[in-house]
C-alpha atoms as a PDB file:
ATOM      1  CA  MET A   1     163.347 -52.027 114.234  1.00  0.00           C
ATOM      2  CA  SER A   2     163.492 -48.517 116.113  1.00  0.00           C
ATOM      3  CA  LYS A   3     160.850 -47.287 117.865  1.00  0.00           C
ATOM      4  CA  TYR A   4     160.779 -44.012 116.140  1.00  0.00           C
ATOM      5  CA  ALA A   5     160.707 -43.238 112.244  1.00  0.00           C
ATOM      6  CA  TYR A   6     163.484 -40.688 112.579  1.00  0.00           C
ATOM      7  CA  LEU A   7     166.090 -43.267 113.737  1.00  0.00           C
ATOM      8  CA  GLU A   8     165.634 -45.387 110.785  1.00  0.00           C
ATOM      9  CA  ALA A   9     168.608 -45.296 108.262  1.00  0.00           C
ATOM     10  CA  GLY A  10     168.256 -43.443 105.179  1.00  0.00           C
ATOM     11  CA  ARG A  11     165.228 -41.424 106.461  1.00  0.00           C
ATOM     12  CA  TYR A  12     165.222 -37.543 106.697  1.00  0.00           C
ATOM     13  CA  ALA A  13     162.630 -34.966 107.946  1.00  0.00           C
ATOM     14  CA  ARG A  14     160.226 -33.734 105.628  1.00  0.00           C
ATOM     15  CA  GLY A  15     160.423 -29.803 105.387  1.00  0.00           C
ATOM     16  CA  TRP A  16     162.498 -26.989 104.593  1.00  0.00           C
ATOM     17  CA  HIS A  17     166.259 -27.279 105.275  1.00  0.00           C
ATOM     18  CA  ILE A  18     169.032 -24.286 105.042  1.00  0.00           C
ATOM     19  CA  VAL A  19     171.766 -25.069 102.783  1.00  0.00           C
ATOM     20  CA  LEU A  20     173.244 -21.660 102.117  1.00  0.00           C
ATOM     21  CA  PHE A  21     172.951 -17.929 103.135  1.00  0.00           C
ATOM     22  CA  SER A  22     172.118 -15.504 100.328  1.00  0.00           C
ATOM     23  CA  ARG A  23     175.275 -13.681  99.994  1.00  0.00           C
ATOM     24  CA  GLU A  24     176.969 -17.103  99.627  1.00  0.00           C
ATOM     25  CA  LEU A  25     175.493 -17.385  96.069  1.00  0.00           C
ATOM     26  CA  GLU A  26     176.447 -14.623  93.705  1.00  0.00           C
ATOM     27  CA  PRO A  27     174.402 -14.227  90.195  1.00  0.00           C
ATOM     28  CA  GLY A  28     175.877 -16.750  87.531  1.00  0.00           C
ATOM     29  CA  GLU A  29     177.612 -18.717  90.493  1.00  0.00           C
ATOM     30  CA  VAL A  30     177.437 -22.638  90.703  1.00  0.00           C
ATOM     31  CA  LYS A  31     178.054 -24.475  93.852  1.00  0.00           C
ATOM     32  CA  ARG A  32     177.896 -28.046  94.992  1.00  0.00           C
ATOM     33  CA  PHE A  33     176.301 -29.297  98.422  1.00  0.00           C
ATOM     34  CA  HIS A  34     176.027 -32.721 100.036  1.00  0.00           C
ATOM     35  CA  TYR A  35     172.926 -33.405 102.238  1.00  0.00           C
ATOM     36  CA  PHE A  36     170.628 -36.186 102.950  1.00  0.00           C
ATOM     37  CA  ASP A  37     173.394 -38.295 101.515  1.00  0.00           C
ATOM     38  CA  ARG A  38     173.072 -37.187  98.128  1.00  0.00           C
ATOM     39  CA  GLU A  39     174.842 -34.645  95.777  1.00  0.00           C
ATOM     40  CA  PHE A  40     173.157 -31.470  94.802  1.00  0.00           C
ATOM     41  CA  VAL A  41     174.029 -28.490  92.606  1.00  0.00           C
ATOM     42  CA  ILE A  42     172.729 -24.937  93.254  1.00  0.00           C
ATOM     43  CA  TRP A  43     172.869 -21.751  90.793  1.00  0.00           C
ATOM     44  CA  ARG A  44     171.662 -18.387  90.593  1.00  0.00           C
ATOM     45  CA  GLY A  45     170.439 -17.554  87.283  1.00  0.00           C
ATOM     46  CA  GLU A  46     170.310 -14.214  85.471  1.00  0.00           C
ATOM     47  CA  SER A  47     167.092 -13.374  87.074  1.00  0.00           C
ATOM     48  CA  GLY A  48     168.617 -13.500  90.411  1.00  0.00           C
ATOM     49  CA  GLU A  49     166.594 -16.948  91.446  1.00  0.00           C
ATOM     50  CA  ALA A  50     168.267 -19.621  93.006  1.00  0.00           C
ATOM     51  CA  PHE A  51     167.536 -23.202  91.648  1.00  0.00           C
ATOM     52  CA  VAL A  52     168.797 -26.591  93.117  1.00  0.00           C
ATOM     53  CA  VAL A  53     168.828 -29.888  90.941  1.00  0.00           C
ATOM     54  CA  ASP A  54     170.340 -33.246  91.684  1.00  0.00           C
ATOM     55  CA  ALA A  55     174.035 -33.229  90.637  1.00  0.00           C
ATOM     56  CA  TYR A  56     174.625 -35.631  88.218  1.00  0.00           C
ATOM     57  CA  CYS A  57     173.643 -35.393  84.729  1.00  0.00           C
ATOM     58  CA  PRO A  58     171.097 -38.214  83.656  1.00  0.00           C
ATOM     59  CA  HIS A  59     173.008 -38.811  80.127  1.00  0.00           C
ATOM     60  CA  LEU A  60     176.546 -40.035  81.144  1.00  0.00           C
ATOM     61  CA  GLY A  61     176.655 -38.770  84.819  1.00  0.00           C
ATOM     62  CA  ALA A  62     178.894 -35.852  84.593  1.00  0.00           C
ATOM     63  CA  HIS A  63     178.644 -33.662  87.789  1.00  0.00           C
ATOM     64  CA  LEU A  64     176.840 -30.465  86.719  1.00  0.00           C
ATOM     65  CA  ALA A  65     179.260 -28.255  88.797  1.00  0.00           C
ATOM     66  CA  SER A  66     182.364 -29.594  87.267  1.00  0.00           C
ATOM     67  CA  ASP A  67     184.925 -26.745  86.125  1.00  0.00           C
ATOM     68  CA  GLY A  68     182.569 -24.481  87.883  1.00  0.00           C
ATOM     69  CA  GLY A  69     179.333 -25.305  85.874  1.00  0.00           C
ATOM     70  CA  ARG A  70     177.752 -23.814  83.094  1.00  0.00           C
ATOM     71  CA  ILE A  71     175.014 -21.114  83.689  1.00  0.00           C
ATOM     72  CA  ARG A  72     172.788 -20.651  80.550  1.00  0.00           C
ATOM     73  CA  GLY A  73     170.153 -17.720  81.563  1.00  0.00           C
ATOM     74  CA  ASN A  74     168.221 -19.245  84.242  1.00  0.00           C
ATOM     75  CA  ALA A  75     169.152 -22.789  83.382  1.00  0.00           C
ATOM     76  CA  ILE A  76     172.500 -24.928  83.688  1.00  0.00           C
ATOM     77  CA  ALA A  77     174.230 -26.757  80.988  1.00  0.00           C
ATOM     78  CA  CYS A  78     176.344 -30.208  81.602  1.00  0.00           C
ATOM     79  CA  PRO A  79     179.919 -29.291  81.062  1.00  0.00           C
ATOM     80  CA  PHE A  80     180.462 -32.767  79.544  1.00  0.00           C
ATOM     81  CA  HIS A  81     178.009 -32.719  76.588  1.00  0.00           C
ATOM     82  CA  GLY A  82     175.869 -29.321  77.140  1.00  0.00           C
ATOM     83  CA  TRP A  83     172.529 -30.765  77.767  1.00  0.00           C
ATOM     84  CA  VAL A  84     170.649 -28.126  79.180  1.00  0.00           C
ATOM     85  CA  PHE A  85     168.463 -28.294  82.438  1.00  0.00           C
ATOM     86  CA  GLU A  86     165.693 -25.758  83.855  1.00  0.00           C
ATOM     87  CA  GLY A  87     165.703 -25.444  87.612  1.00  0.00           C
ATOM     88  CA  SER A  88     162.797 -27.686  87.563  1.00  0.00           C
ATOM     89  CA  GLY A  89     165.195 -30.619  86.336  1.00  0.00           C
ATOM     90  CA  GLU A  90     163.298 -30.430  82.799  1.00  0.00           C
ATOM     91  CA  CYS A  91     165.830 -31.041  79.989  1.00  0.00           C
ATOM     92  CA  ILE A  92     165.298 -28.357  77.424  1.00  0.00           C
ATOM     93  CA  GLU A  93     168.291 -28.471  74.878  1.00  0.00           C
ATOM     94  CA  ILE A  94     170.678 -31.102  73.676  1.00  0.00           C
ATOM     95  CA  PRO A  95     172.905 -28.882  71.349  1.00  0.00           C
ATOM     96  CA  TYR A  96     173.910 -31.836  68.915  1.00  0.00           C
ATOM     97  CA  ALA A  97     170.401 -33.584  68.765  1.00  0.00           C
ATOM     98  CA  LYS A  98     167.510 -33.036  66.677  1.00  0.00           C
ATOM     99  CA  GLN A  99     164.925 -33.903  69.290  1.00  0.00           C
ATOM    100  CA  ILE A 100     165.107 -34.602  73.197  1.00  0.00           C
ATOM    101  CA  PRO A 101     164.433 -38.166  74.051  1.00  0.00           C
ATOM    102  CA  PRO A 102     161.202 -38.430  75.870  1.00  0.00           C
ATOM    103  CA  ARG A 103     162.896 -40.361  78.872  1.00  0.00           C
ATOM    104  CA  ALA A 104     165.118 -37.343  79.142  1.00  0.00           C
ATOM    105  CA  ARG A 105     162.675 -34.752  79.644  1.00  0.00           C
ATOM    106  CA  GLN A 106     162.005 -35.210  83.447  1.00  0.00           C
ATOM    107  CA  ALA A 107     165.074 -37.422  84.184  1.00  0.00           C
ATOM    108  CA  LEU A 108     166.917 -34.967  86.461  1.00  0.00           C
ATOM    109  CA  LYS A 109     165.200 -34.158  89.812  1.00  0.00           C
ATOM    110  CA  GLY A 110     164.594 -30.204  90.754  1.00  0.00           C
ATOM    111  CA  TRP A 111     164.094 -29.442  94.434  1.00  0.00           C
ATOM    112  CA  PRO A 112     161.815 -26.516  95.577  1.00  0.00           C
ATOM    113  CA  VAL A 113     163.736 -23.494  96.819  1.00  0.00           C
ATOM    114  CA  LEU A 114     162.846 -20.702  99.407  1.00  0.00           C
ATOM    115  CA  GLU A 115     164.836 -17.620  99.528  1.00  0.00           C
ATOM    116  CA  ARG A 116     163.912 -15.695 102.407  1.00  0.00           C
ATOM    117  CA  ASN A 117     165.350 -13.468 105.236  1.00  0.00           C
ATOM    118  CA  GLY A 118     168.695 -13.625 103.652  1.00  0.00           C
ATOM    119  CA  PHE A 119     169.252 -17.629 103.802  1.00  0.00           C
ATOM    120  CA  ILE A 120     168.331 -20.267 100.945  1.00  0.00           C
ATOM    121  CA  ALA A 121     166.254 -23.352 101.891  1.00  0.00           C
ATOM    122  CA  ILE A 122     165.300 -26.488 100.131  1.00  0.00           C
ATOM    123  CA  TRP A 123     162.044 -28.551 100.341  1.00  0.00           C
ATOM    124  CA  TYR A 124     163.082 -32.212 101.075  1.00  0.00           C
ATOM    125  CA  CYS A 125     160.486 -34.766 100.988  1.00  0.00           C
ATOM    126  CA  PRO A 126     161.068 -38.400  99.940  1.00  0.00           C
ATOM    127  CA  GLU A 127     157.362 -38.517  98.581  1.00  0.00           C
ATOM    128  CA  ASP A 128     157.575 -35.250  96.682  1.00  0.00           C
ATOM    129  CA  SER A 129     154.915 -33.645  98.413  1.00  0.00           C
ATOM    130  CA  GLU A 130     154.058 -30.138  97.859  1.00  0.00           C
ATOM    131  CA  PRO A 131     155.912 -27.506 100.022  1.00  0.00           C
ATOM    132  CA  VAL A 132     154.242 -26.112 102.907  1.00  0.00           C
ATOM    133  CA  ASP A 133     155.043 -22.386 103.465  1.00  0.00           C
ATOM    134  CA  TYR A 134     155.584 -22.384 107.237  1.00  0.00           C
ATOM    135  CA  LEU A 135     158.721 -20.132 107.388  1.00  0.00           C
ATOM    136  CA  PRO A 136     157.772 -16.677 108.604  1.00  0.00           C
ATOM    137  CA  ALA A 137     159.425 -13.432 107.016  1.00  0.00           C
ATOM    138  CA  ILE A 138     161.428 -11.457 109.503  1.00  0.00           C
ATOM    139  CA  ASP A 139     159.787  -7.825 109.576  1.00  0.00           C
ATOM    140  CA  ASP A 140     162.026  -5.195 107.961  1.00  0.00           C
ATOM    141  CA  TRP A 141     164.549  -7.854 106.915  1.00  0.00           C
ATOM    142  CA  GLY A 142     167.390  -6.427 104.815  1.00  0.00           C
ATOM    143  CA  PRO A 143     171.232  -5.381 105.134  1.00  0.00           C
ATOM    144  CA  GLY A 144     170.153  -1.562 105.362  1.00  0.00           C
ATOM    145  CA  LYS A 145     168.162  -2.064 108.689  1.00  0.00           C
ATOM    146  CA  TRP A 146     169.266  -5.223 110.589  1.00  0.00           C
ATOM    147  CA  GLY A 147     172.716  -5.797 109.031  1.00  0.00           C
ATOM    148  CA  ASP A 148     173.563  -9.126 107.432  1.00  0.00           C
ATOM    149  CA  TRP A 149     173.817 -12.372 108.990  1.00  0.00           C
ATOM    150  CA  GLN A 150     177.030 -13.304 111.046  1.00  0.00           C
ATOM    151  CA  PHE A 151     177.118 -17.119 111.286  1.00  0.00           C
ATOM    152  CA  GLN A 152     179.464 -19.937 112.231  1.00  0.00           C
ATOM    153  CA  ARG A 153     179.004 -23.339 111.174  1.00  0.00           C
ATOM    154  CA  SER A 154     180.333 -26.743 112.183  1.00  0.00           C
ATOM    155  CA  ARG A 155     179.900 -30.401 111.054  1.00  0.00           C
ATOM    156  CA  ILE A 156     179.536 -32.967 113.748  1.00  0.00           C
ATOM    157  CA  ARG A 157     178.572 -36.841 114.272  1.00  0.00           C
ATOM    158  CA  ALA A 158     175.139 -36.523 115.553  1.00  0.00           C
ATOM    159  CA  GLN A 159     171.511 -37.264 114.974  1.00  0.00           C
ATOM    160  CA  PRO A 160     168.919 -34.209 114.073  1.00  0.00           C
ATOM    161  CA  CYS A 161     166.815 -35.588 116.876  1.00  0.00           C
ATOM    162  CA  ASP A 162     169.725 -34.835 119.305  1.00  0.00           C
ATOM    163  CA  VAL A 163     169.580 -31.319 118.339  1.00  0.00           C
ATOM    164  CA  ILE A 164     165.862 -30.367 118.243  1.00  0.00           C
ATOM    165  CA  GLU A 165     165.206 -32.088 121.663  1.00  0.00           C
ATOM    166  CA  ASN A 166     167.078 -28.739 123.267  1.00  0.00           C
ATOM    167  CA  ILE A 167     163.969 -26.698 122.916  1.00  0.00           C
ATOM    168  CA  VAL A 168     162.051 -28.677 125.729  1.00  0.00           C
ATOM    169  CA  ASP A 169     164.972 -29.374 127.762  1.00  0.00           C
ATOM    170  CA  ILE A 170     164.478 -27.159 130.847  1.00  0.00           C
ATOM    171  CA  ALA A 171     167.151 -29.129 133.006  1.00  0.00           C
ATOM    172  CA  HIS A 172     170.323 -28.299 131.172  1.00  0.00           C
ATOM    173  CA  PHE A 173     170.530 -24.644 131.523  1.00  0.00           C
ATOM    174  CA  PRO A 174     172.298 -24.665 135.042  1.00  0.00           C
ATOM    175  CA  HIS A 175     174.763 -27.281 133.902  1.00  0.00           C
ATOM    176  CA  VAL A 176     175.526 -26.037 130.367  1.00  0.00           C
ATOM    177  CA  HIS A 177     174.528 -22.297 129.933  1.00  0.00           C
ATOM    178  CA  GLY A 178     175.370 -20.772 133.546  1.00  0.00           C
ATOM    179  CA  GLY A 179     171.996 -19.745 134.437  1.00  0.00           C
ATOM    180  CA  ASN A 180     168.878 -20.503 136.662  1.00  0.00           C
ATOM    181  CA  VAL A 181     165.610 -20.937 134.958  1.00  0.00           C
ATOM    182  CA  HIS A 182     163.067 -18.665 136.516  1.00  0.00           C
ATOM    183  CA  ALA A 183     160.124 -19.154 133.900  1.00  0.00           C
ATOM    184  CA  PHE A 184     159.938 -22.012 131.279  1.00  0.00           C
ATOM    185  CA  GLU A 185     156.869 -22.929 129.031  1.00  0.00           C
ATOM    186  CA  ASN A 186     156.657 -25.047 125.805  1.00  0.00           C
ATOM    187  CA  ARG A 187     153.765 -24.573 123.039  1.00  0.00           C
ATOM    188  CA  PHE A 188     153.172 -26.666 120.424  1.00  0.00           C
ATOM    189  CA  GLY A 189     151.610 -26.069 116.842  1.00  0.00           C
ATOM    190  CA  ASP A 190     151.141 -28.112 113.626  1.00  0.00           C
ATOM    191  CA  PHE A 191     154.577 -26.855 112.435  1.00  0.00           C
ATOM    192  CA  THR A 192     156.010 -25.130 115.498  1.00  0.00           C
ATOM    193  CA  VAL A 193     157.007 -25.799 119.043  1.00  0.00           C
ATOM    194  CA  THR A 194     158.185 -22.687 121.246  1.00  0.00           C
ATOM    195  CA  GLN A 195     160.072 -22.117 124.191  1.00  0.00           C
ATOM    196  CA  ILE A 196     159.313 -19.279 126.271  1.00  0.00           C
ATOM    197  CA  SER A 197     161.723 -18.860 129.008  1.00  0.00           C
ATOM    198  CA  ARG A 198     163.580 -16.473 131.292  1.00  0.00           C
ATOM    199  CA  VAL A 199     167.219 -17.607 132.567  1.00  0.00           C
ATOM    200  CA  LYS A 200     169.238 -15.567 134.906  1.00  0.00           C
ATOM    201  CA  ARG A 201     173.103 -15.551 134.835  1.00  0.00           C
ATOM    202  CA  ASP A 202     174.355 -17.233 137.997  1.00  0.00           C
ATOM    203  CA  PRO A 203     178.235 -17.537 138.864  1.00  0.00           C
ATOM    204  CA  GLN A 204     177.231 -20.462 140.894  1.00  0.00           C
ATOM    205  CA  ALA A 205     175.759 -22.471 138.279  1.00  0.00           C
ATOM    206  CA  GLY A 206     177.619 -24.841 135.922  1.00  0.00           C
ATOM    207  CA  MET A 207     178.877 -23.677 132.434  1.00  0.00           C
ATOM    208  CA  ILE A 208     180.523 -25.355 129.253  1.00  0.00           C
ATOM    209  CA  THR A 209     183.029 -23.416 127.768  1.00  0.00           C
ATOM    210  CA  PRO A 210     183.629 -23.931 124.025  1.00  0.00           C
ATOM    211  CA  PRO A 211     187.410 -24.019 122.727  1.00  0.00           C
ATOM    212  CA  GLY A 212     188.875 -21.082 120.965  1.00  0.00           C
ATOM    213  CA  LEU A 213     186.773 -18.362 122.113  1.00  0.00           C
ATOM    214  CA  PRO A 214     188.135 -14.750 121.644  1.00  0.00           C
ATOM    215  CA  PHE A 215     187.145 -13.887 125.189  1.00  0.00           C
ATOM    216  CA  ASP A 216     186.473 -15.230 128.613  1.00  0.00           C
ATOM    217  CA  LEU A 217     182.954 -16.626 128.484  1.00  0.00           C
ATOM    218  CA  VAL A 218     182.885 -17.454 132.353  1.00  0.00           C
ATOM    219  CA  ASP A 219     184.166 -13.938 133.206  1.00  0.00           C
ATOM    220  CA  ALA A 220     181.389 -12.247 130.949  1.00  0.00           C
ATOM    221  CA  ARG A 221     178.808 -14.430 132.660  1.00  0.00           C
ATOM    222  CA  ASN A 222     179.919 -13.426 136.233  1.00  0.00           C
ATOM    223  CA  GLN A 223     180.139  -9.595 135.389  1.00  0.00           C
ATOM    224  CA  GLY A 224     176.979  -9.830 134.064  1.00  0.00           C
ATOM    225  CA  ALA A 225     175.334 -11.633 136.986  1.00  0.00           C
ATOM    226  CA  GLY A 226     173.187  -9.392 139.010  1.00  0.00           C
ATOM    227  CA  MET A 227     172.974  -6.552 136.488  1.00  0.00           C
ATOM    228  CA  GLU A 228     170.333  -7.863 134.525  1.00  0.00           C
ATOM    229  CA  ALA A 229     168.822  -5.677 131.621  1.00  0.00           C
ATOM    230  CA  ASP A 230     165.247  -5.633 130.992  1.00  0.00           C
ATOM    231  CA  ALA A 231     165.116  -8.598 128.570  1.00  0.00           C
ATOM    232  CA  TRP A 232     162.969 -11.036 126.957  1.00  0.00           C
ATOM    233  CA  GLY A 233     163.048 -13.636 124.502  1.00  0.00           C
ATOM    234  CA  ASP A 234     161.335 -16.586 122.824  1.00  0.00           C
ATOM    235  CA  ALA A 235     162.718 -19.653 120.343  1.00  0.00           C
ATOM    236  CA  THR A 236     160.525 -21.505 117.916  1.00  0.00           C
ATOM    237  CA  TYR A 237     161.463 -24.427 115.947  1.00  0.00           C
ATOM    238  CA  HIS A 238     159.368 -23.718 112.395  1.00  0.00           C
ATOM    239  CA  GLY A 239     159.482 -27.494 111.037  1.00  0.00           C
ATOM    240  CA  PRO A 240     161.866 -30.128 111.964  1.00  0.00           C
ATOM    241  CA  SER A 241     165.380 -28.117 111.402  1.00  0.00           C
ATOM    242  CA  ILE A 242     165.265 -24.299 111.557  1.00  0.00           C
ATOM    243  CA  MET A 243     164.806 -22.333 114.790  1.00  0.00           C
ATOM    244  CA  TYR A 244     164.379 -18.564 115.083  1.00  0.00           C
ATOM    245  CA  TYR A 245     164.907 -16.769 118.362  1.00  0.00           C
ATOM    246  CA  TYR A 246     163.800 -13.121 118.858  1.00  0.00           C
ATOM    247  CA  THR A 247     165.085 -11.133 121.930  1.00  0.00           C
ATOM    248  CA  GLU A 248     164.768  -7.727 123.083  1.00  0.00           C
ATOM    249  CA  SER A 249     166.910  -6.034 125.847  1.00  0.00           C
ATOM    250  CA  ARG A 250     166.777  -2.755 127.503  1.00  0.00           C
ATOM    251  CA  SER A 251     169.329  -0.967 129.719  1.00  0.00           C
ATOM    252  CA  PRO A 252     170.833   2.324 130.455  1.00  0.00           C
ATOM    253  CA  ASP A 253     173.742   1.549 128.249  1.00  0.00           C
ATOM    254  CA  ILE A 254     172.440  -0.414 125.352  1.00  0.00           C
ATOM    255  CA  SER A 255     169.003  -1.407 124.039  1.00  0.00           C
ATOM    256  CA  PHE A 256     168.830  -3.647 121.128  1.00  0.00           C
ATOM    257  CA  LYS A 257     166.802  -6.547 119.585  1.00  0.00           C
ATOM    258  CA  SER A 258     168.210  -9.633 117.775  1.00  0.00           C
ATOM    259  CA  TRP A 259     167.197 -12.363 115.789  1.00  0.00           C
ATOM    260  CA  TRP A 260     169.098 -15.405 115.810  1.00  0.00           C
ATOM    261  CA  VAL A 261     168.615 -18.466 113.261  1.00  0.00           C
ATOM    262  CA  ASN A 262     170.063 -21.797 114.508  1.00  0.00           C
ATOM    263  CA  TYR A 263     169.571 -24.791 111.885  1.00  0.00           C
ATOM    264  CA  HIS A 264     170.742 -28.180 111.564  1.00  0.00           C
ATOM    265  CA  THR A 265     170.923 -30.091 108.175  1.00  0.00           C
ATOM    266  CA  PRO A 266     171.467 -33.738 107.825  1.00  0.00           C
ATOM    267  CA  VAL A 267     174.517 -34.532 105.974  1.00  0.00           C
ATOM    268  CA  ASN A 268     174.095 -38.397 106.267  1.00  0.00           C
ATOM    269  CA  ASP A 269     172.755 -40.753 108.722  1.00  0.00           C
ATOM    270  CA  SER A 270     175.516 -39.961 111.111  1.00  0.00           C
ATOM    271  CA  GLU A 271     176.413 -36.362 110.621  1.00  0.00           C
ATOM    272  CA  VAL A 272     174.640 -32.916 110.634  1.00  0.00           C
ATOM    273  CA  ASP A 273     175.960 -29.523 109.796  1.00  0.00           C
ATOM    274  CA  LEU A 274     175.180 -26.951 112.533  1.00  0.00           C
ATOM    275  CA  CYS A 275     174.970 -23.256 111.968  1.00  0.00           C
ATOM    276  CA  SER A 276     174.196 -20.403 114.353  1.00  0.00           C
ATOM    277  CA  ALA A 277     173.303 -16.976 112.779  1.00  0.00           C
ATOM    278  CA  VAL A 278     172.884 -13.639 114.356  1.00  0.00           C
ATOM    279  CA  ILE A 279     171.555 -10.167 113.215  1.00  0.00           C
ATOM    280  CA  MET A 280     170.996  -7.118 115.593  1.00  0.00           C
ATOM    281  CA  SER A 281     169.481  -3.790 115.449  1.00  0.00           C
ATOM    282  CA  SER A 282     169.113  -1.009 117.849  1.00  0.00           C
ATOM    283  CA  LEU A 283     165.992  -0.109 119.940  1.00  0.00           C
ATOM    284  CA  THR A 284     166.567   3.433 119.980  1.00  0.00           C
ATOM    285  CA  ASP A 285     167.797   6.280 117.499  1.00  0.00           C
ATOM    286  CA  ALA A 286     171.324   5.768 118.807  1.00  0.00           C
ATOM    287  CA  ALA A 287     173.620   3.424 116.651  1.00  0.00           C
ATOM    288  CA  LEU A 288     174.939   0.181 118.554  1.00  0.00           C
ATOM    289  CA  PRO A 289     178.551   0.810 119.828  1.00  0.00           C
ATOM    290  CA  GLU A 290     180.938  -1.235 117.348  1.00  0.00           C
ATOM    291  CA  GLU A 291     182.572  -2.889 119.913  1.00  0.00           C
ATOM    292  CA  PHE A 292     179.065  -4.570 120.925  1.00  0.00           C
ATOM    293  CA  THR A 293     178.086  -5.470 117.346  1.00  0.00           C
ATOM    294  CA  GLN A 294     181.449  -7.491 117.259  1.00  0.00           C
ATOM    295  CA  LEU A 295     181.057  -9.024 120.509  1.00  0.00           C
ATOM    296  CA  TYR A 296     177.355 -10.014 120.743  1.00  0.00           C
ATOM    297  CA  PRO A 297     177.303 -12.562 117.688  1.00  0.00           C
ATOM    298  CA  ALA A 298     180.420 -13.924 119.275  1.00  0.00           C
ATOM    299  CA  VAL A 299     178.691 -14.551 122.493  1.00  0.00           C
ATOM    300  CA  ALA A 300     175.402 -15.959 120.600  1.00  0.00           C
ATOM    301  CA  HIS A 301     177.670 -18.519 118.594  1.00  0.00           C
ATOM    302  CA  ALA A 302     179.398 -19.412 122.153  1.00  0.00           C
ATOM    303  CA  ALA A 303     175.994 -20.304 123.646  1.00  0.00           C
ATOM    304  CA  PHE A 304     175.165 -22.408 120.707  1.00  0.00           C
ATOM    305  CA  GLY A 305     178.636 -24.160 121.011  1.00  0.00           C
ATOM    306  CA  GLN A 306     177.836 -24.895 124.380  1.00  0.00           C
ATOM    307  CA  ASP A 307     175.173 -27.388 123.177  1.00  0.00           C
ATOM    308  CA  VAL A 308     177.361 -28.383 120.325  1.00  0.00           C
ATOM    309  CA  LEU A 309     180.033 -29.817 122.733  1.00  0.00           C
ATOM    310  CA  ILE A 310     177.454 -32.219 124.180  1.00  0.00           C
ATOM    311  CA  TRP A 311     175.772 -33.238 121.085  1.00  0.00           C
ATOM    312  CA  GLN A 312     179.101 -34.269 119.193  1.00  0.00           C
ATOM    313  CA  ASP A 313     179.649 -36.733 121.980  1.00  0.00           C
ATOM    314  CA  LYS A 314     176.133 -38.186 123.206  1.00  0.00           C
ATOM    315  CA  VAL A 315     174.259 -41.050 122.207  1.00  0.00           C
ATOM    316  CA  TYR A 316     170.514 -40.949 121.566  1.00  0.00           C
ATOM    317  CA  ARG A 317     168.521 -42.921 124.038  1.00  0.00           C
ATOM    318  CA  GLU A 318     165.213 -44.110 122.500  1.00  0.00           C
ATOM    319  CA  ASP A 319     163.753 -45.077 125.921  1.00  0.00           C
ATOM    320  CA  PRO A 320     165.474 -42.568 128.425  1.00  0.00           C
ATOM    321  CA  ILE A 321     164.939 -42.928 132.073  1.00  0.00           C
ATOM    322  CA  LEU A 322     163.186 -39.443 132.876  1.00  0.00           C
ATOM    323  CA  CYS A 323     161.956 -37.536 135.650  1.00  0.00           C
ATOM    324  CA  ASP A 324     159.480 -34.995 136.500  1.00  0.00           C
ATOM    325  CA  GLY A 325     161.744 -31.914 135.993  1.00  0.00           C
ATOM    326  CA  ASP A 326     162.880 -32.997 132.548  1.00  0.00           C
ATOM    327  CA  GLY A 327     160.295 -31.160 130.320  1.00  0.00           C
ATOM    328  CA  PRO A 328     158.293 -32.518 127.731  1.00  0.00           C
ATOM    329  CA  ILE A 329     160.655 -34.542 126.044  1.00  0.00           C
ATOM    330  CA  ASN A 330     158.442 -37.390 124.809  1.00  0.00           C
ATOM    331  CA  LYS A 331     155.792 -34.904 123.784  1.00  0.00           C
ATOM    332  CA  LEU A 332     158.457 -33.345 121.698  1.00  0.00           C
ATOM    333  CA  ARG A 333     159.314 -36.639 120.150  1.00  0.00           C
ATOM    334  CA  ARG A 334     155.818 -37.412 119.064  1.00  0.00           C
ATOM    335  CA  TRP A 335     155.422 -33.795 117.465  1.00  0.00           C
ATOM    336  CA  TYR A 336     158.974 -34.430 115.628  1.00  0.00           C
ATOM    337  CA  GLU A 337     157.969 -38.079 114.219  1.00  0.00           C
ATOM    338  CA  ARG A 338     155.201 -36.399 112.001  1.00  0.00           C
ATOM    339  CA  PHE A 339     157.926 -35.151 109.738  1.00  0.00           C
ATOM    340  CA  TYR A 340     159.169 -38.610 108.994  1.00  0.00           C
ATOM    341  CA  LEU A 341     155.912 -40.031 108.458  1.00  0.00           C
ATOM    342  CA  PRO A 342     154.092 -40.188 105.013  1.00  0.00           C
ATOM    343  CA  ALA A 343     152.527 -36.592 104.097  1.00  0.00           C
END
């Protein structure tokens, strides 16, 4: 038996997990997705609200997204026999029946949905506990102010715990990200763990270069070394799978602020979907140069990709050999375990 509940087969973290960005789901559109080793259907009703239910009709098992799905106001109808379900999963109509069988009323499972900051998340909990609203709103969010998310997804063979441990791993920066750590601190809360760090680029430090980049990452690092802007930032996991990173940078040429959202959503026991998303805005009245607005997200995605290349090839050590410079990895594991234990 595993030392940690989060390593047991078929168990997934209780909490909010991002499944789509808002712009990926148009009004009246139905989509399917597969996470937590089960199939889901998501749609946006005529009110603009997004809904998620289990994918298979409890009648005779048709997939509710077959043939593009059938929207009925804010509800969804099975394309096989027309049974109609609300976002809660309740069956509200069978077009050819005089009455709805009592067993059919709540036979389909609906999932709590949170749409905020331009993304859509569902609340996963095997015990069906009430959702906790721990995901903060981003101030002034909106396409007219920040622009929309520029994101990059990948699916890899990894465990979610491989990904989240990065938040406390001080020792990997000079080997993976091409910089030396000048300040590093972790702070733990009930639903959060924060990394406050200052890392300076160093041509002598090691660096992983993801394949297929549209620019030379090593050259970009070396050109920036020694010409650091006045910059700061902190990264916080809100719950078990969604990380916000906020940063500000001021220099004579460009002064900007940026949010990154990095998330990992488990597909099954051996795979996760990873995503790095970026928005940015000027800190002055001057608009950001177009070249910069195109390059900066690519650099952010590349920084995330450096970690991805490690995660996809590693194994998870339940009892690692640690040293005094590794960061609070065991403390992070105890914090993370709470999302796998009964609420």
